[in-house]
Amino acid sequence: MGVFWDFENFADSPALIADTGVTVTYRDLSALSKETAAAISRCADWDAASEPLVMMVCRNTMGALSGYAVLADSGYPFLPVSADLAAGMRRDLMNAYRPGLLLLPEEMRGEYPAMGEVCAIRDYVLLKTNYMDRFPIHPRLGLLITTSGSTGSAKFVRQSRENLRFNAAALAKILQITSADRTITALPLQYTYGQSVLHANLRCGAAMVVTKNGVMDPEFWDLFEAENVTCFHGVPSTYEMLHHIGLFEDEFPSLRTLSQAGGKLSRELQEYYARYAAENGKHFVIMYGQSEATAAISWLPPEDALRKPGSVGRVVPGGSVRLIDGSGNTVEGPHARGELVYRGPNVAMGYARGGEDLAKDDEWNGEIRTGDLAETDEDGYLTITGRLKRFIKLAGHRVSLDEIDGMIMDELNIPSASVGTDDRLTVFVTGDREKEMVASFIPRVLSAARGSLRVLTVPEFPKNEGGKILYSVLQETAEKV
């Protein structure tokens, strides 16, 4: 058995199924692991106890998933980045972290002519970098996950191997994954939710159906049906798009489980998908988490999806939560409100802002303050009500930007994104008609906004790879107007 998975245990079961018809079994992954290890040993200038960092340029392809699976399982820590990241930003990250190996699509090989080729892994190639002064790495480090989507920031969350193993086990239990399941690649591999899905499926001997097509491509759904996919995972923006085109008016007989994480789904859409699942004999699971907690903090059981709209459910098995007030005191009882604090084996080791941080020990000791405001109901289920830092003061009144967006959605059914400072509230919408309605509505319900309100339009809200709105980008836009 490797660091994470037991490929031999599932032998001839399919691990990866390509949209080209090619299948890679778990036995194939085991053989590839040995071949890759042998190729690395022929050119390695490090000892077996100090595997270097692997930077991976991510796409949803057979080479990417195969390469990640065999190298991660051999103990190599990973730094995955989007293939859409600009070449200059990619070079900056490489210089900041000095990886020993680079795993990237074969067509990008020409960008690094001075690097030696270790081996090819299907449509990917593994290169040995030329960094001679690599940074020391903590022996428990498993994965560096970005905190900022595709912006190229050098800040990453340091997730340990233990974090990843615990999270995979928790996700497998929550989603009831078995070796009979098939999950399609609807999430980016460099995204913590996408990583979680891959780890959980490989742990259970399930199959990943691999395609570069996105959920808005007809070919994606043709493959979905042809390969009898049983599990679909998406972020709020995914479910919003699919609702817009009416996709889930179809039954999809093979589909067993839908899961949603990566942000808050509107109450309307939560009820829509929960009802679809209930009427068609499927499970709809809502999850809440953060990269700092290796993705999973709580989950809403399928049987509660219609009963508790807006809730993110109860804590994952093996974890615990509490709410604290502004002084750090624990707030208890039904309908308690405060900042959510999570404790569990999946709490990451801390942040890395450069290679100097790779050797750092665990700085968080199993507990994080999430920065999210939450309240509990009479059953102890959680509802996220906003972000701790998403507040401004207008005319001396404390105003929650998340509550403003919630009011606009509840009363006008208009998606909005509010930002601001203590002297001005700026609400972004995506159309002129919406602009007029919001500009008329806000002063009526929020007297403090009178004289301090601007409503601006943008073609679409900037979002990260997880579908979360990038409020920092909108704040920069507001400051330029």
Foldseek 3Di string as FASTA:
>chain_A
DFLFFDLVVLPAQFAEAELVGDTQGSVNLVVVLVVLVVLCVVPDPDDLQFAWEEEEAWFQDQLRLSVCVSCLRSQHAYEYAYVPADPVLVVVLCVQQVTQKYKYFPVCVVVCVPWAWSAGRVRITMTGDDDPDGFGFASFFHYWADPFFRPSALKTFGFGSLLLNVLLVLVCVQQVDALDAEEEQQAICSHLVSVSVSSNCSRRNHYYYTDRDHPVDPSSVVSCLVVLHAEYEAEQVSLVVCVVVVVLVDQSLSHAEYEYELDFHDLVSLQVVLVSCVVNVHFYKYAYDHVQLSGGFAIQGSVCSNVDRQFRFDGTPFKDKFFAAPVRHTFDDAFTKHFIKIFGSNRTQGMDNGNNCRNDGRPQNRMDRPQWMWTAHNVRIIGTQAGNPQWEAFPNRIDHQSVLQVCCCVPVVFGWGWHDYNQAIEIEGADPVSQVVSVVPVCVVPVSHVVRYDYYYDNDFDARSSRHGDVVVVVVVVVVD
